Amino acid sequence: MALDKATLKAKLKAIDPSDGDVVDKMVDAIDEYIKGATVTVAAGIPVSTAGSAAAQTGTTTSPGTGTIS
């Protein structure tokens, strides 16, 4: 899911200071916003594999670059 600034803005504006701790409510709204991000990593990151064709395991061998949206 893409980051949704409008929803974050609405949640921050809706915080009522008389209902309790404003900071906790802001942190919750920002946490939800960040965790709603989509991270896309480009194909082509080199990997090293081991095992049979049916049961391979592997790890990346170089850093990749991701895009947050």
N, C-alpha and C. Protein backbone atom coordinates (compact mmCIF):
# COMPACT_ATOMS: atom_id res chain seq x y z
N MET A 1 0.85 -1.17 0.00
CA MET A 1 0.00 0.00 0.00
C MET A 1 0.90 1.24 0.00
N ALA A 2 0.51 2.21 -0.73
CA ALA A 2 1.28 3.45 -0.82
C ALA A 2 1.07 4.30 0.44
N LEU A 3 2.05 5.14 0.74
CA LEU A 3 1.91 6.06 1.86
C LEU A 3 0.77 7.04 1.57
N ASP A 4 -0.07 7.28 2.57
CA ASP A 4 -1.26 8.10 2.38
C ASP A 4 -1.18 9.33 3.29
N LYS A 5 -0.63 10.42 2.75
CA LYS A 5 -0.45 11.65 3.53
C LYS A 5 -1.77 12.24 3.99
N ALA A 6 -2.80 12.13 3.16
CA ALA A 6 -4.10 12.71 3.51
C ALA A 6 -4.68 12.05 4.76
N THR A 7 -4.57 10.73 4.86
CA THR A 7 -5.09 10.03 6.04
C THR A 7 -4.28 10.40 7.27
N LEU A 8 -2.96 10.46 7.14
CA LEU A 8 -2.12 10.86 8.27
C LEU A 8 -2.51 12.26 8.74
N LYS A 9 -2.65 13.17 7.80
CA LYS A 9 -3.01 14.54 8.14
C LYS A 9 -4.36 14.59 8.87
N ALA A 10 -5.33 13.84 8.38
CA ALA A 10 -6.66 13.81 9.00
C ALA A 10 -6.59 13.24 10.42
N LYS A 11 -5.80 12.19 10.60
CA LYS A 11 -5.68 11.60 11.94
C LYS A 11 -5.00 12.55 12.91
N LEU A 12 -3.99 13.26 12.44
CA LEU A 12 -3.30 14.22 13.31
C LEU A 12 -4.21 15.39 13.66
N LYS A 13 -4.99 15.86 12.68
CA LYS A 13 -5.91 16.97 12.95
C LYS A 13 -7.04 16.56 13.89
N ALA A 14 -7.40 15.28 13.87
CA ALA A 14 -8.52 14.79 14.68
C ALA A 14 -8.15 14.55 16.15
N ILE A 15 -6.88 14.66 16.47
CA ILE A 15 -6.46 14.43 17.86
C ILE A 15 -7.02 15.53 18.75
N ASP A 16 -7.73 15.11 19.78
CA ASP A 16 -8.34 16.04 20.73
C ASP A 16 -7.49 16.06 22.00
N PRO A 17 -6.82 17.18 22.28
CA PRO A 17 -5.95 17.24 23.45
C PRO A 17 -6.67 16.94 24.76
N SER A 18 -7.96 17.13 24.81
CA SER A 18 -8.69 16.88 26.06
C SER A 18 -8.96 15.39 26.27
N ASP A 19 -8.69 14.55 25.26
CA ASP A 19 -8.95 13.11 25.38
C ASP A 19 -7.77 12.33 25.95
N GLY A 20 -6.66 12.96 26.24
CA GLY A 20 -5.53 12.22 26.77
C GLY A 20 -4.22 12.69 26.17
N ASP A 21 -3.26 11.78 26.18
CA ASP A 21 -1.90 12.10 25.77
C ASP A 21 -1.80 12.31 24.26
N VAL A 22 -1.57 13.52 23.86
CA VAL A 22 -1.47 13.90 22.45
C VAL A 22 -0.27 13.20 21.80
N VAL A 23 0.84 13.13 22.50
CA VAL A 23 2.05 12.53 21.94
C VAL A 23 1.81 11.06 21.59
N ASP A 24 1.17 10.30 22.48
CA ASP A 24 0.88 8.89 22.20
C ASP A 24 0.02 8.74 20.96
N LYS A 25 -0.97 9.60 20.81
CA LYS A 25 -1.86 9.52 19.65
C LYS A 25 -1.12 9.89 18.37
N MET A 26 -0.22 10.86 18.45
CA MET A 26 0.58 11.23 17.29
C MET A 26 1.51 10.08 16.89
N VAL A 27 2.13 9.48 17.88
CA VAL A 27 3.04 8.36 17.62
C VAL A 27 2.28 7.21 16.96
N ASP A 28 1.08 6.92 17.46
CA ASP A 28 0.28 5.84 16.87
C ASP A 28 -0.06 6.14 15.41
N ALA A 29 -0.45 7.37 15.11
CA ALA A 29 -0.81 7.76 13.74
C ALA A 29 0.41 7.67 12.82
N ILE A 30 1.56 8.13 13.28
CA ILE A 30 2.77 8.09 12.46
C ILE A 30 3.25 6.65 12.27
N ASP A 31 3.15 5.84 13.32
CA ASP A 31 3.54 4.44 13.24
C ASP A 31 2.68 3.70 12.20
N GLU A 32 1.38 3.93 12.23
CA GLU A 32 0.48 3.31 11.26
C GLU A 32 0.81 3.78 9.84
N TYR A 33 1.13 5.05 9.68
CA TYR A 33 1.48 5.62 8.39
C TYR A 33 2.73 4.95 7.82
N ILE A 34 3.77 4.85 8.62
CA ILE A 34 5.04 4.27 8.17
C ILE A 34 4.88 2.78 7.87
N LYS A 35 4.19 2.06 8.73
CA LYS A 35 4.01 0.62 8.52
C LYS A 35 3.10 0.31 7.34
N GLY A 36 2.38 1.30 6.84
CA GLY A 36 1.54 1.11 5.67
C GLY A 36 2.28 1.28 4.36
N ALA A 37 3.56 1.55 4.43
CA ALA A 37 4.35 1.78 3.22
C ALA A 37 4.59 0.50 2.44
N THR A 38 4.78 0.66 1.17
CA THR A 38 5.18 -0.44 0.30
C THR A 38 6.66 -0.22 -0.04
N VAL A 39 7.45 -1.26 0.17
CA VAL A 39 8.87 -1.20 -0.19
C VAL A 39 9.06 -2.07 -1.42
N THR A 40 9.56 -1.47 -2.48
CA THR A 40 9.80 -2.18 -3.73
C THR A 40 11.30 -2.25 -3.97
N VAL A 41 11.79 -3.46 -4.18
CA VAL A 41 13.21 -3.65 -4.43
C VAL A 41 13.37 -4.10 -5.88
N ALA A 42 14.26 -3.44 -6.57
CA ALA A 42 14.48 -3.75 -7.98
C ALA A 42 15.02 -5.17 -8.15
N ALA A 43 14.63 -5.80 -9.23
CA ALA A 43 15.13 -7.13 -9.55
C ALA A 43 16.61 -7.05 -9.91
N GLY A 44 17.29 -8.16 -9.81
CA GLY A 44 18.68 -8.22 -10.26
C GLY A 44 19.71 -8.14 -9.17
N ILE A 45 19.30 -8.28 -7.91
CA ILE A 45 20.29 -8.29 -6.84
C ILE A 45 21.01 -9.65 -6.89
N PRO A 46 22.32 -9.67 -6.97
CA PRO A 46 23.04 -10.94 -7.03
C PRO A 46 22.82 -11.78 -5.78
N VAL A 47 22.65 -13.08 -5.97
CA VAL A 47 22.47 -14.01 -4.85
C VAL A 47 23.39 -15.21 -5.02
N SER A 48 23.65 -15.86 -3.90
CA SER A 48 24.41 -17.09 -3.89
C SER A 48 23.49 -18.17 -3.34
N THR A 49 23.38 -19.31 -4.04
CA THR A 49 22.47 -20.36 -3.59
C THR A 49 23.22 -21.65 -3.33
N ALA A 50 22.58 -22.52 -2.55
CA ALA A 50 23.12 -23.84 -2.25
C ALA A 50 21.96 -24.80 -2.13
N GLY A 51 22.21 -26.06 -2.38
CA GLY A 51 21.18 -27.07 -2.24
C GLY A 51 20.74 -27.62 -3.59
N SER A 52 19.81 -28.57 -3.54
CA SER A 52 19.31 -29.18 -4.77
C SER A 52 18.36 -28.23 -5.47
N ALA A 53 18.00 -28.58 -6.70
CA ALA A 53 17.10 -27.73 -7.48
C ALA A 53 15.75 -27.58 -6.78
N ALA A 54 15.33 -28.58 -6.04
CA ALA A 54 14.02 -28.54 -5.37
C ALA A 54 14.07 -27.85 -4.01
N ALA A 55 15.25 -27.70 -3.44
CA ALA A 55 15.34 -27.16 -2.09
C ALA A 55 16.53 -26.21 -1.96
N GLN A 56 16.50 -25.14 -2.72
CA GLN A 56 17.62 -24.20 -2.66
C GLN A 56 17.40 -23.18 -1.55
N THR A 57 18.50 -22.77 -0.96
CA THR A 57 18.51 -21.66 -0.03
C THR A 57 19.54 -20.68 -0.54
N GLY A 58 19.41 -19.43 -0.15
CA GLY A 58 20.39 -18.46 -0.62
C GLY A 58 20.32 -17.15 0.12
N THR A 59 21.31 -16.32 -0.14
CA THR A 59 21.37 -14.98 0.43
C THR A 59 21.87 -14.02 -0.63
N THR A 60 21.54 -12.77 -0.44
CA THR A 60 22.05 -11.76 -1.37
C THR A 60 23.55 -11.59 -1.14
N THR A 61 24.25 -11.23 -2.20
CA THR A 61 25.70 -11.06 -2.08
C THR A 61 26.12 -9.61 -2.30
N SER A 62 25.15 -8.75 -2.54
CA SER A 62 25.45 -7.32 -2.66
C SER A 62 24.23 -6.54 -2.22
N PRO A 63 24.42 -5.29 -1.87
CA PRO A 63 23.26 -4.51 -1.41
C PRO A 63 22.29 -4.20 -2.55
N GLY A 64 21.03 -4.07 -2.18
CA GLY A 64 20.01 -3.68 -3.14
C GLY A 64 19.50 -2.30 -2.78
N THR A 65 18.78 -1.69 -3.68
CA THR A 65 18.19 -0.38 -3.42
C THR A 65 16.68 -0.51 -3.48
N GLY A 66 16.01 -0.02 -2.45
CA GLY A 66 14.56 -0.09 -2.40
C GLY A 66 13.95 1.30 -2.54
N THR A 67 12.68 1.30 -2.91
CA THR A 67 11.91 2.53 -3.02
C THR A 67 10.71 2.42 -2.11
N ILE A 68 10.49 3.40 -1.27
CA ILE A 68 9.33 3.42 -0.38
C ILE A 68 8.25 4.25 -1.03
N SER A 69 7.05 3.70 -1.10
CA SER A 69 5.94 4.47 -1.65
C SER A 69 4.73 4.31 -0.77
